[in-house]
C-alpha cells in the first residue's frame, strides 16, 4: 500500500471490527478495509447498522484534497 501511496482509512479512526456482525463487539475482527490514495481526504469513518450480512457496513465520508 505504501509503495502506491494508498492508506487504510482505519488508521486515523481506530480499530472498527466489522466481522462477524452477529457476534458481540468483543468477538468481532476488523477484516474489511477501505483504502484511499493521497489525493483523498477522509473526514469520517464509522460502522453502520447491521443489514443482514455477516459483515457490518463501513461508511466513509471523503473529499478531494
N, C-alpha and C. Protein backbone atom coordinates (compact mmCIF):
# COMPACT_ATOMS: atom_id res chain seq x y z
N UNK A 1 0.81 -1.19 0.00
CA UNK A 1 0.00 0.00 0.00
C UNK A 1 0.86 1.26 0.00
N UNK A 2 1.90 1.28 0.82
CA UNK A 2 2.76 2.47 0.91
C UNK A 2 3.41 2.79 -0.42
N UNK A 3 3.86 1.76 -1.12
CA UNK A 3 4.56 1.96 -2.39
C UNK A 3 3.69 2.70 -3.40
N UNK A 4 2.40 2.45 -3.37
CA UNK A 4 1.47 3.09 -4.29
C UNK A 4 0.74 4.27 -3.67
N UNK A 5 1.18 4.70 -2.50
CA UNK A 5 0.63 5.85 -1.77
C UNK A 5 -0.83 5.65 -1.37
N UNK A 6 -1.18 4.42 -1.05
CA UNK A 6 -2.52 4.14 -0.54
C UNK A 6 -2.46 4.01 0.97
N UNK A 7 -3.53 4.42 1.63
CA UNK A 7 -3.60 4.39 3.09
C UNK A 7 -4.90 3.73 3.51
N UNK A 8 -4.83 2.89 4.53
CA UNK A 8 -6.03 2.28 5.10
C UNK A 8 -6.73 3.35 5.94
N UNK A 9 -7.99 3.61 5.67
CA UNK A 9 -8.73 4.65 6.38
C UNK A 9 -8.89 4.36 7.87
N UNK A 10 -8.72 3.13 8.27
CA UNK A 10 -8.86 2.76 9.67
C UNK A 10 -7.78 3.39 10.55
N UNK A 11 -6.63 3.73 9.97
CA UNK A 11 -5.51 4.24 10.75
C UNK A 11 -5.85 5.49 11.55
N UNK A 12 -6.64 6.38 11.00
CA UNK A 12 -6.98 7.63 11.68
C UNK A 12 -8.19 7.49 12.61
N UNK A 13 -8.93 6.40 12.49
CA UNK A 13 -10.19 6.29 13.23
C UNK A 13 -10.23 5.11 14.19
N UNK A 14 -9.15 4.42 14.34
CA UNK A 14 -9.08 3.31 15.29
C UNK A 14 -9.67 2.02 14.74
N UNK A 15 -9.51 0.99 15.51
CA UNK A 15 -9.98 -0.34 15.09
C UNK A 15 -11.50 -0.36 15.11
N UNK A 16 -12.07 -0.78 13.99
CA UNK A 16 -13.53 -0.89 13.88
C UNK A 16 -13.86 -2.29 13.35
N UNK A 17 -14.06 -3.23 14.25
CA UNK A 17 -14.29 -4.62 13.84
C UNK A 17 -15.64 -4.80 13.15
N UNK A 18 -15.59 -5.22 11.90
CA UNK A 18 -16.81 -5.30 11.09
C UNK A 18 -17.32 -6.72 10.85
N UNK A 19 -16.57 -7.72 11.29
CA UNK A 19 -16.98 -9.11 11.06
C UNK A 19 -16.81 -9.89 12.36
N UNK A 20 -17.59 -10.60 12.75
CA UNK A 20 -18.85 -11.17 12.36
C UNK A 20 -19.95 -10.35 13.03
N UNK A 21 -20.82 -9.77 12.21
CA UNK A 21 -21.85 -8.84 12.70
C UNK A 21 -22.77 -9.46 13.74
N UNK A 22 -22.93 -10.77 13.71
CA UNK A 22 -23.82 -11.44 14.66
C UNK A 22 -23.21 -11.66 16.04
N UNK A 23 -21.92 -11.39 16.17
CA UNK A 23 -21.24 -11.59 17.45
C UNK A 23 -21.24 -10.30 18.27
N UNK A 24 -21.00 -10.44 19.55
CA UNK A 24 -20.80 -9.27 20.40
C UNK A 24 -19.54 -8.53 19.93
N UNK A 25 -19.48 -7.21 20.07
CA UNK A 25 -18.32 -6.44 19.58
C UNK A 25 -16.97 -6.97 20.05
N UNK A 26 -16.89 -7.49 21.26
CA UNK A 26 -15.64 -8.01 21.78
C UNK A 26 -15.09 -9.16 20.94
N UNK A 27 -15.97 -9.90 20.26
CA UNK A 27 -15.56 -11.07 19.50
C UNK A 27 -15.50 -10.82 17.99
N UNK A 28 -15.66 -9.59 17.55
CA UNK A 28 -15.57 -9.26 16.12
C UNK A 28 -14.11 -8.95 15.76
N UNK A 29 -13.81 -9.06 14.46
CA UNK A 29 -12.46 -8.72 14.00
C UNK A 29 -12.55 -7.74 12.81
N UNK A 30 -11.53 -6.89 12.65
CA UNK A 30 -11.54 -5.88 11.59
C UNK A 30 -10.92 -6.41 10.29
N UNK A 31 -11.67 -7.21 9.53
CA UNK A 31 -11.10 -7.78 8.31
C UNK A 31 -11.45 -6.98 7.05
N UNK A 32 -12.38 -6.05 7.15
CA UNK A 32 -12.78 -5.26 5.98
C UNK A 32 -12.02 -3.94 5.97
N UNK A 33 -11.56 -3.52 4.79
CA UNK A 33 -10.81 -2.28 4.69
C UNK A 33 -11.38 -1.37 3.61
N UNK A 34 -11.12 -0.09 3.79
CA UNK A 34 -11.36 0.92 2.76
C UNK A 34 -10.03 1.65 2.62
N UNK A 35 -9.47 1.64 1.42
CA UNK A 35 -8.20 2.33 1.20
C UNK A 35 -8.40 3.51 0.26
N UNK A 36 -7.59 4.55 0.47
CA UNK A 36 -7.66 5.74 -0.37
C UNK A 36 -6.23 6.13 -0.76
N UNK A 37 -6.12 6.94 -1.81
CA UNK A 37 -4.79 7.43 -2.17
C UNK A 37 -4.56 8.79 -1.54
N UNK A 38 -3.40 9.37 -1.81
CA UNK A 38 -3.03 10.62 -1.15
C UNK A 38 -3.77 11.85 -1.68
N UNK A 39 -4.66 11.68 -2.63
CA UNK A 39 -5.45 12.79 -3.14
C UNK A 39 -6.85 12.85 -2.52
N UNK A 40 -7.11 11.95 -1.58
CA UNK A 40 -8.42 11.86 -0.94
C UNK A 40 -8.28 12.19 0.54
N UNK A 41 -9.14 13.05 1.03
CA UNK A 41 -9.21 13.39 2.45
C UNK A 41 -10.37 12.63 3.07
N UNK A 42 -10.10 11.90 4.15
CA UNK A 42 -11.15 11.16 4.85
C UNK A 42 -11.62 12.01 6.02
N UNK A 43 -12.89 12.35 6.02
CA UNK A 43 -13.46 13.19 7.08
C UNK A 43 -14.06 12.37 8.22
N UNK A 44 -14.58 11.20 7.88
CA UNK A 44 -15.20 10.37 8.91
C UNK A 44 -15.25 8.93 8.42
N UNK A 45 -15.20 8.01 9.35
CA UNK A 45 -15.29 6.58 9.05
C UNK A 45 -15.96 5.91 10.24
N UNK A 46 -17.01 5.17 9.98
CA UNK A 46 -17.71 4.50 11.07
C UNK A 46 -18.43 3.28 10.55
N UNK A 47 -18.84 2.42 11.47
CA UNK A 47 -19.58 1.22 11.12
C UNK A 47 -21.06 1.52 11.13
N UNK A 48 -21.76 0.99 10.13
CA UNK A 48 -23.21 1.17 10.05
C UNK A 48 -23.94 0.09 10.82
N UNK A 49 -25.23 0.20 10.80
CA UNK A 49 -26.10 -0.78 11.46
C UNK A 49 -26.12 -2.08 10.65
N UNK A 50 -26.37 -3.21 11.30
CA UNK A 50 -26.45 -4.49 10.58
C UNK A 50 -27.49 -4.45 9.46
N UNK A 51 -27.16 -5.11 8.35
CA UNK A 51 -28.05 -5.12 7.19
C UNK A 51 -28.52 -6.52 6.81
N UNK A 52 -28.14 -7.51 7.60
CA UNK A 52 -28.49 -8.89 7.27
C UNK A 52 -27.28 -9.69 6.82
N UNK A 53 -26.18 -9.01 6.51
CA UNK A 53 -24.93 -9.67 6.14
C UNK A 53 -24.18 -10.06 7.41
N UNK A 54 -23.16 -10.91 7.27
CA UNK A 54 -22.33 -11.20 8.44
C UNK A 54 -21.22 -10.16 8.60
N UNK A 55 -21.18 -9.16 7.72
CA UNK A 55 -20.26 -8.03 7.82
C UNK A 55 -21.07 -6.76 8.08
N UNK A 56 -20.56 -5.90 8.95
CA UNK A 56 -21.19 -4.59 9.14
C UNK A 56 -20.71 -3.66 8.02
N UNK A 57 -21.56 -2.76 7.56
CA UNK A 57 -21.12 -1.81 6.53
C UNK A 57 -20.12 -0.81 7.10
N UNK A 58 -19.14 -0.44 6.28
CA UNK A 58 -18.20 0.61 6.65
C UNK A 58 -18.61 1.85 5.86
N UNK A 59 -18.90 2.92 6.57
CA UNK A 59 -19.32 4.17 5.93
C UNK A 59 -18.18 5.16 6.04
N UNK A 60 -17.81 5.75 4.91
CA UNK A 60 -16.67 6.66 4.87
C UNK A 60 -17.08 7.95 4.17
N UNK A 61 -16.84 9.08 4.82
CA UNK A 61 -17.08 10.39 4.21
C UNK A 61 -15.75 10.91 3.70
N UNK A 62 -15.68 11.18 2.39
CA UNK A 62 -14.42 11.60 1.78
C UNK A 62 -14.60 12.86 0.94
N UNK A 63 -13.49 13.48 0.63
CA UNK A 63 -13.46 14.62 -0.26
C UNK A 63 -12.14 14.63 -1.01
N UNK A 64 -12.06 15.45 -2.03
CA UNK A 64 -10.83 15.57 -2.81
C UNK A 64 -9.95 16.64 -2.17
N UNK A 65 -8.66 16.35 -2.02
CA UNK A 65 -7.72 17.32 -1.43
C UNK A 65 -7.44 18.44 -2.41
